[in-house]
Protein backbone atom coordinates (compact mmCIF):
# COMPACT_ATOMS: atom_id res chain seq x y z
CA UNK A 1 86.92 -211.36 35.64
CA UNK A 2 86.14 -212.68 39.12
CA UNK A 3 88.18 -211.04 41.85
CA UNK A 4 87.73 -213.34 44.85
CA UNK A 5 90.31 -212.04 47.33
CA UNK A 6 91.00 -208.65 48.87
CA UNK A 7 92.78 -207.18 51.88
CA UNK A 8 91.29 -204.00 53.31
CA UNK A 9 91.52 -201.76 56.37
CA UNK A 10 88.35 -200.77 58.21
CA UNK A 11 87.89 -198.34 61.08
CA UNK A 12 84.81 -197.28 62.98
CA UNK A 13 84.42 -193.60 63.84
CA UNK A 14 85.70 -192.10 67.09
CA UNK A 15 83.25 -190.81 69.64
CA UNK A 16 83.12 -187.04 69.81
CA UNK A 17 84.48 -185.25 72.91
CA UNK A 18 82.11 -183.83 75.47
CA UNK A 19 81.95 -180.04 75.80
CA UNK A 20 82.96 -177.77 78.65
CA UNK A 21 80.54 -174.85 78.67
CA UNK A 22 78.61 -172.66 81.11
CA UNK A 23 75.31 -170.90 80.79
CA UNK A 24 74.88 -167.41 82.16
CA UNK A 25 71.95 -167.38 84.58
CA UNK A 26 71.28 -165.24 87.59
CA UNK A 27 71.70 -167.01 90.94
CA UNK A 28 73.56 -169.96 89.28
CA UNK A 29 77.19 -170.27 90.37
CA UNK A 30 79.43 -169.34 87.45
CA UNK A 31 76.39 -169.74 85.22
CA UNK A 32 76.14 -173.49 85.73
CA UNK A 33 77.70 -176.24 83.51
CA UNK A 34 75.96 -176.71 80.15
CA UNK A 35 78.38 -178.79 78.09
CA UNK A 36 76.66 -181.45 75.96
CA UNK A 37 77.82 -184.98 75.16
CA UNK A 38 79.86 -185.93 72.10
CA UNK A 39 78.21 -187.85 69.28
CA UNK A 40 78.74 -191.55 68.69
CA UNK A 41 81.21 -192.60 65.97
CA UNK A 42 79.88 -194.23 62.81
CA UNK A 43 79.76 -198.04 62.50
CA UNK A 44 81.27 -200.28 59.83
CA UNK A 45 78.42 -202.38 58.48
CA UNK A 46 78.62 -205.22 55.95
CA UNK A 47 75.64 -206.41 53.89
CA UNK A 48 75.45 -209.42 51.55
CA UNK A 49 74.02 -208.55 48.13
CA UNK A 50 73.36 -211.20 45.48
CA UNK A 51 73.54 -208.55 42.75
CA UNK A 52 77.31 -208.51 43.27
CA UNK A 53 79.52 -211.29 41.90
CA UNK A 54 83.07 -210.09 42.54
CA UNK A 55 85.29 -208.25 45.03
CA UNK A 56 86.61 -206.00 42.27
CA UNK A 57 85.52 -202.80 44.06
CA UNK A 58 87.96 -203.48 46.88
CA UNK A 59 90.87 -203.49 44.47
CA UNK A 60 90.44 -199.72 44.33
CA UNK A 61 88.93 -199.07 47.77
CA UNK A 62 91.32 -200.54 50.32
CA UNK A 63 90.33 -198.31 53.24
CA UNK A 64 86.91 -197.66 54.75
CA UNK A 65 86.85 -195.21 57.67
CA UNK A 66 83.56 -194.19 59.25
CA UNK A 67 82.86 -190.62 60.30
CA UNK A 68 83.76 -189.45 63.79
CA UNK A 69 81.08 -188.20 66.16
CA UNK A 70 80.84 -184.42 66.52
CA UNK A 71 81.83 -182.58 69.68
CA UNK A 72 79.22 -181.71 72.27
CA UNK A 73 77.96 -178.13 72.31
CA UNK A 74 76.84 -175.59 74.83
CA UNK A 75 73.30 -175.45 76.17
CA UNK A 76 73.54 -179.21 76.78
CA UNK A 77 73.33 -179.97 73.06
CA UNK A 78 74.76 -183.34 72.12
CA UNK A 79 77.05 -183.63 69.13
CA UNK A 80 75.83 -185.27 65.94
CA UNK A 81 76.51 -189.00 65.52
CA UNK A 82 79.05 -189.92 62.85
CA UNK A 83 77.72 -191.43 59.64
CA UNK A 84 78.12 -195.19 59.35
CA UNK A 85 79.62 -196.88 56.30
CA UNK A 86 77.64 -199.68 54.66
CA UNK A 87 79.84 -202.04 52.64
CA UNK A 88 78.11 -204.40 50.23
CA UNK A 89 79.74 -207.75 49.45
CA UNK A 90 78.69 -210.68 47.24
CA UNK A 91 76.79 -213.55 48.81
CA UNK A 92 79.37 -216.20 49.66
CA UNK A 93 81.94 -213.73 51.04
CA UNK A 94 83.72 -214.51 54.28
CA UNK A 95 85.64 -212.05 56.45
CA UNK A 96 88.89 -213.20 58.04
CA UNK A 97 91.20 -211.61 60.57
CA UNK A 98 94.37 -210.87 58.60
CA UNK A 99 96.61 -211.69 61.57
CA UNK A 100 95.05 -214.93 62.80
CA UNK A 101 93.27 -216.05 59.60
CA UNK A 102 90.19 -216.82 61.75
CA UNK A 103 86.81 -216.61 59.99
CA UNK A 104 84.85 -213.79 61.62
CA UNK A 105 81.71 -213.60 59.47
CA UNK A 106 80.24 -215.78 56.73
CA UNK A 107 77.79 -214.01 54.41
CA UNK A 108 76.05 -217.15 53.20
CA UNK A 109 72.64 -215.67 52.48
CA UNK A 110 71.32 -212.65 50.64
CA UNK A 111 70.54 -209.62 52.80
CA UNK A 112 72.59 -210.76 55.79
CA UNK A 113 73.64 -207.62 57.68
CA UNK A 114 76.37 -207.41 60.29
CA UNK A 115 77.57 -204.43 62.33
CA UNK A 116 81.20 -205.46 62.04
CA UNK A 117 82.81 -202.63 64.03
CA UNK A 118 80.85 -200.34 66.37
CA UNK A 119 81.69 -196.68 66.53
CA UNK A 120 83.16 -195.24 69.72
CA UNK A 121 80.82 -193.77 72.35
CA UNK A 122 80.86 -190.01 72.69
CA UNK A 123 82.38 -188.40 75.78
CA UNK A 124 80.16 -186.83 78.43
CA UNK A 125 80.00 -183.05 78.70
CA UNK A 126 80.70 -181.20 81.93
CA UNK A 127 76.99 -180.90 82.69
CA UNK A 128 77.09 -184.60 83.69
CA UNK A 129 79.65 -184.03 86.43
CA UNK A 130 78.01 -181.32 88.52
CA UNK A 131 77.60 -182.25 92.18
CA UNK A 132 76.66 -180.44 95.36
CA UNK A 133 80.31 -179.91 96.15
CA UNK A 134 81.45 -179.23 92.59
CA UNK A 135 78.79 -177.14 90.94
CA UNK A 136 80.99 -175.83 88.13
CA UNK A 137 83.15 -178.71 86.81
CA UNK A 138 85.64 -177.62 84.18
CA UNK A 139 86.27 -180.98 82.61
CA UNK A 140 84.57 -183.35 80.17
CA UNK A 141 85.29 -186.79 78.77
CA UNK A 142 87.11 -187.55 75.56
CA UNK A 143 85.22 -189.78 73.16
CA UNK A 144 86.15 -193.45 72.89
CA UNK A 145 88.13 -194.34 69.80
CA UNK A 146 86.45 -196.53 67.21
CA UNK A 147 87.88 -200.00 66.62
CA UNK A 148 90.09 -200.65 63.61
CA UNK A 149 91.16 -203.80 61.86
CA UNK A 150 92.97 -205.24 58.85
CA UNK A 151 90.76 -207.91 57.32
CA UNK A 152 90.69 -210.30 54.40
CA UNK A 153 87.63 -210.66 52.18
CA UNK A 154 87.39 -214.00 50.42
CA UNK A 155 84.63 -214.96 48.01
CA UNK A 156 83.49 -218.56 47.80
CA UNK A 157 80.83 -219.05 45.16
CA UNK A 158 77.56 -220.60 46.27
CA UNK A 159 76.60 -223.46 43.98
CA UNK A 160 74.80 -226.79 44.31
CA UNK A 161 77.09 -228.78 42.03
CA UNK A 162 80.84 -228.40 41.51
CA UNK A 163 82.45 -229.59 38.28
CA UNK A 164 85.80 -231.29 38.79
CA UNK A 165 88.15 -232.73 36.19
CA UNK A 166 91.47 -232.58 34.41
CA UNK A 167 91.92 -229.93 31.70
CA UNK A 168 89.99 -230.89 28.56
CA UNK A 169 87.66 -233.26 30.41
CA UNK A 170 84.69 -231.48 28.83
CA UNK A 171 83.53 -229.39 31.79
CA UNK A 172 83.02 -226.15 29.87
CA UNK A 173 81.14 -227.88 27.07
CA UNK A 174 78.89 -229.63 29.59
CA UNK A 175 77.97 -226.46 31.49
CA UNK A 176 77.31 -224.61 28.23
CA UNK A 177 74.85 -227.32 27.15
CA UNK A 178 72.87 -227.73 30.39
CA UNK A 179 72.77 -224.03 31.34
CA UNK A 180 72.93 -220.54 29.88
CA UNK A 181 76.60 -220.14 30.84
CA UNK A 182 78.90 -219.46 27.91
CA UNK A 183 82.47 -220.24 28.93
CA UNK A 184 85.36 -220.21 26.47
CA UNK A 185 85.70 -223.61 24.80
CA UNK A 186 88.72 -224.81 22.82
CA UNK A 187 90.71 -227.96 22.19
CA UNK A 188 93.64 -227.18 24.49
CA UNK A 189 94.27 -227.31 28.27
CA UNK A 190 93.25 -224.55 30.68
CA UNK A 191 90.63 -222.95 28.46
CA UNK A 192 88.77 -222.07 31.66
CA UNK A 193 90.80 -219.42 33.48
CA UNK A 194 88.22 -218.41 36.06
CA UNK A 195 85.11 -219.95 37.67
CA UNK A 196 81.87 -220.04 35.71
CA UNK A 197 78.39 -220.34 37.19
CA UNK A 198 75.52 -221.84 35.26
CA UNK A 199 71.87 -222.07 36.30
CA UNK A 200 70.24 -225.31 35.21
CA UNK A 201 66.49 -225.02 34.66
CA UNK A 202 64.79 -228.16 35.93
CA UNK A 203 61.24 -229.47 35.85
CA UNK A 204 58.30 -227.55 37.34
CA UNK A 205 60.22 -224.24 37.34
CA UNK A 206 62.91 -225.59 39.66
CA UNK A 207 66.59 -224.84 39.16
CA UNK A 208 70.06 -225.42 40.57
CA UNK A 209 73.49 -223.89 40.14
CA UNK A 210 76.61 -225.53 38.73
CA UNK A 211 80.12 -224.13 39.26
CA UNK A 212 82.86 -224.87 36.74
CA UNK A 213 86.44 -224.24 37.90
CA UNK A 214 89.71 -224.44 35.93
CA UNK A 215 91.03 -227.95 35.37
CA UNK A 216 92.84 -229.62 38.24
CA UNK A 217 96.23 -231.27 37.84
CA UNK A 218 98.21 -233.39 40.28
CA UNK A 219 99.63 -231.15 43.00
CA UNK A 220 96.87 -228.54 42.67
CA UNK A 221 96.31 -228.39 46.44
CA UNK A 222 99.89 -227.11 46.92
CA UNK A 223 99.75 -224.54 44.16
CA UNK A 224 100.36 -226.32 40.85
CA UNK A 225 98.35 -225.38 37.79
CA UNK A 226 95.33 -223.08 37.96
CA UNK A 227 92.78 -225.15 39.86
CA UNK A 228 94.33 -224.56 43.29
CA UNK A 229 93.26 -220.91 43.22
CA UNK A 230 89.65 -221.89 42.68
CA UNK A 231 89.16 -225.09 44.68
CA UNK A 232 87.63 -222.98 47.45
CA UNK A 233 84.73 -222.22 45.12
CA UNK A 234 83.46 -225.79 45.33
CA UNK A 235 83.86 -226.14 49.11
CA UNK A 236 80.22 -225.12 49.62
CA UNK A 237 78.71 -227.32 46.91
CA UNK A 238 76.40 -230.18 47.80
CA UNK A 239 77.52 -232.53 45.02
CA UNK A 240 80.85 -233.01 43.25
CA UNK A 241 80.46 -233.94 39.58
CA UNK A 242 83.70 -235.58 38.51
CA UNK A 243 84.17 -235.57 34.74
CA UNK A 244 86.64 -237.99 33.17
CA UNK A 245 87.76 -238.18 29.55
CA UNK A 246 87.00 -241.80 28.53
CA UNK A 247 89.93 -241.87 26.10
CA UNK A 248 92.53 -241.77 28.92
CA UNK A 249 94.44 -245.01 29.46
CA UNK A 250 93.61 -245.47 33.17
CA UNK A 251 90.41 -243.73 34.35
CA UNK A 252 90.93 -245.12 37.87
CA UNK A 253 94.20 -243.20 38.19
CA UNK A 254 92.50 -240.00 37.06
CA UNK A 255 89.79 -240.43 39.69
CA UNK A 256 92.36 -241.21 42.39
CA UNK A 257 94.36 -238.06 41.62
CA UNK A 258 91.28 -235.83 41.54
CA UNK A 259 89.89 -237.25 44.77
CA UNK A 260 93.24 -236.91 46.52
CA UNK A 261 93.62 -233.27 45.45
CA UNK A 262 90.13 -232.44 46.73
CA UNK A 263 90.62 -234.09 50.11
CA UNK A 264 94.13 -232.66 50.56
CA UNK A 265 92.74 -229.19 49.91
CA UNK A 266 89.88 -229.47 52.41
CA UNK A 267 88.44 -232.14 54.70
CA UNK A 268 85.00 -230.84 53.72
CA UNK A 269 85.39 -232.57 50.34
CA UNK A 270 85.60 -236.01 51.93
CA UNK A 271 81.93 -236.30 52.85
CA UNK A 272 80.38 -234.69 49.79
CA UNK A 273 78.22 -236.71 47.41
CA UNK A 274 80.19 -237.63 44.28
CA UNK A 275 79.04 -238.52 40.78
CA UNK A 276 81.47 -239.86 38.17
CA UNK A 277 80.74 -239.04 34.56
CA UNK A 278 82.58 -240.26 31.48
CA UNK A 279 82.25 -237.59 28.81
CA UNK A 280 82.63 -237.56 25.01
CA UNK A 281 80.69 -240.79 24.49
CA UNK A 282 80.22 -239.78 20.84
CA UNK A 283 83.88 -240.69 20.31
CA UNK A 284 83.41 -244.27 21.55
CA UNK A 285 82.24 -247.47 19.96
CA UNK A 286 79.40 -249.48 21.51
CA UNK A 287 81.95 -252.00 22.81
CA UNK A 288 83.99 -249.27 24.50
CA UNK A 289 80.85 -247.79 26.04
CA UNK A 290 79.80 -251.12 27.56
CA UNK A 291 83.28 -251.66 28.93
CA UNK A 292 83.24 -248.29 30.71
CA UNK A 293 79.77 -248.75 32.19
CA UNK A 294 80.64 -252.15 33.61
CA UNK A 295 84.01 -251.02 34.96
CA UNK A 296 84.20 -250.89 38.76
CA UNK A 297 85.70 -247.67 40.13
CA UNK A 298 87.37 -248.13 43.51
CA UNK A 299 86.29 -245.73 46.30
CA UNK A 300 83.08 -245.00 44.41
CA UNK A 301 79.75 -246.61 45.30
CA UNK A 302 77.65 -245.68 42.29
CA UNK A 303 77.60 -246.56 38.62
CA UNK A 304 79.35 -244.00 36.38
CA UNK A 305 77.30 -242.02 33.89
CA UNK A 306 78.25 -241.88 30.23
CA UNK A 307 77.30 -238.73 28.33
CA UNK A 308 78.03 -236.71 25.23
CA UNK A 309 77.62 -232.97 25.63
CA UNK A 310 77.83 -232.57 21.86
CA UNK A 311 74.88 -234.86 21.10
CA UNK A 312 73.34 -234.42 24.60
CA UNK A 313 73.08 -238.18 24.90
CA UNK A 314 72.68 -239.11 28.59
CA UNK A 315 72.61 -235.53 29.90
CA UNK A 316 68.92 -235.64 30.82
CA UNK A 317 69.35 -238.70 33.06
CA UNK A 318 72.40 -237.10 34.66
CA UNK A 319 70.47 -233.91 35.47
CA UNK A 320 67.72 -236.00 37.08
CA UNK A 321 70.28 -237.79 39.24
CA UNK A 322 71.92 -234.52 40.29
CA UNK A 323 68.59 -233.01 41.28
CA UNK A 324 67.74 -236.05 43.42
CA UNK A 325 71.09 -235.81 45.23
CA UNK A 326 70.63 -232.07 45.83
CA UNK A 327 67.18 -232.66 47.30
CA UNK A 328 68.56 -235.28 49.69
CA UNK A 329 70.95 -232.83 51.38
């Protein structure tokens, strides 16, 4: 199960306090100050790792607090720095400020590393404050506290193509045929309950990724059905593949509803390349097929594709077209 949302608390370590100490040496007033500096607090570091696919770990680990720096010691020995915490997240994760909802970091590539919160600086020991008029200072600095924050982790899958359609439009069957993904397939709505990713192997050892999300219904952008929870997973895609069941009475209405839900959810959807595909062509007569292919779809510049995932008729041409659109971006 994909867990794509988590709220956690993170805190960098506090800087260690400086020490007040004196060495015992002949001819040195009161032995002379020898307090060392406190160690630096540990950092909170995030790293993107493409071996991870979910935020499930954060369901059980809601707090990450780095180690504090150690206190300074006598003989001008500095305290040990606190150990930093490295937090691995899936590629595609964004970090938001829980209060403002502002995006702070976007981990859009594997290996991206960000020192999110820096540990506090250690306080200076009394050896730093000796002067000609104050040769035996009896004070030292406290360490600076590490920063803390409540944040939201949100995972948006990285895919080249996003599958969009009403429940039972044939999305799961299509992705199972063109890739190695094996989603649940059945003849009833909302078979897909979570996003599925499929890698399509193309010519000359090339490949691209398709994301299948639960079926969208009218009102999805305001919380109806299941698709609204997962629309964010196709925000980053380069191409939207809109699948329509050819047996519906008014395909134009279906397209209008789907397009409206996408744009209402995010303005980013407006400028994405779109490809309309009529599925289940094996259920149609030749006359019905010709009628669909010659039908003009308003607000769509191209010619719709007609495929059958069951017989794989037309899927090869569709994959070629998708690859060409991906390469253009």
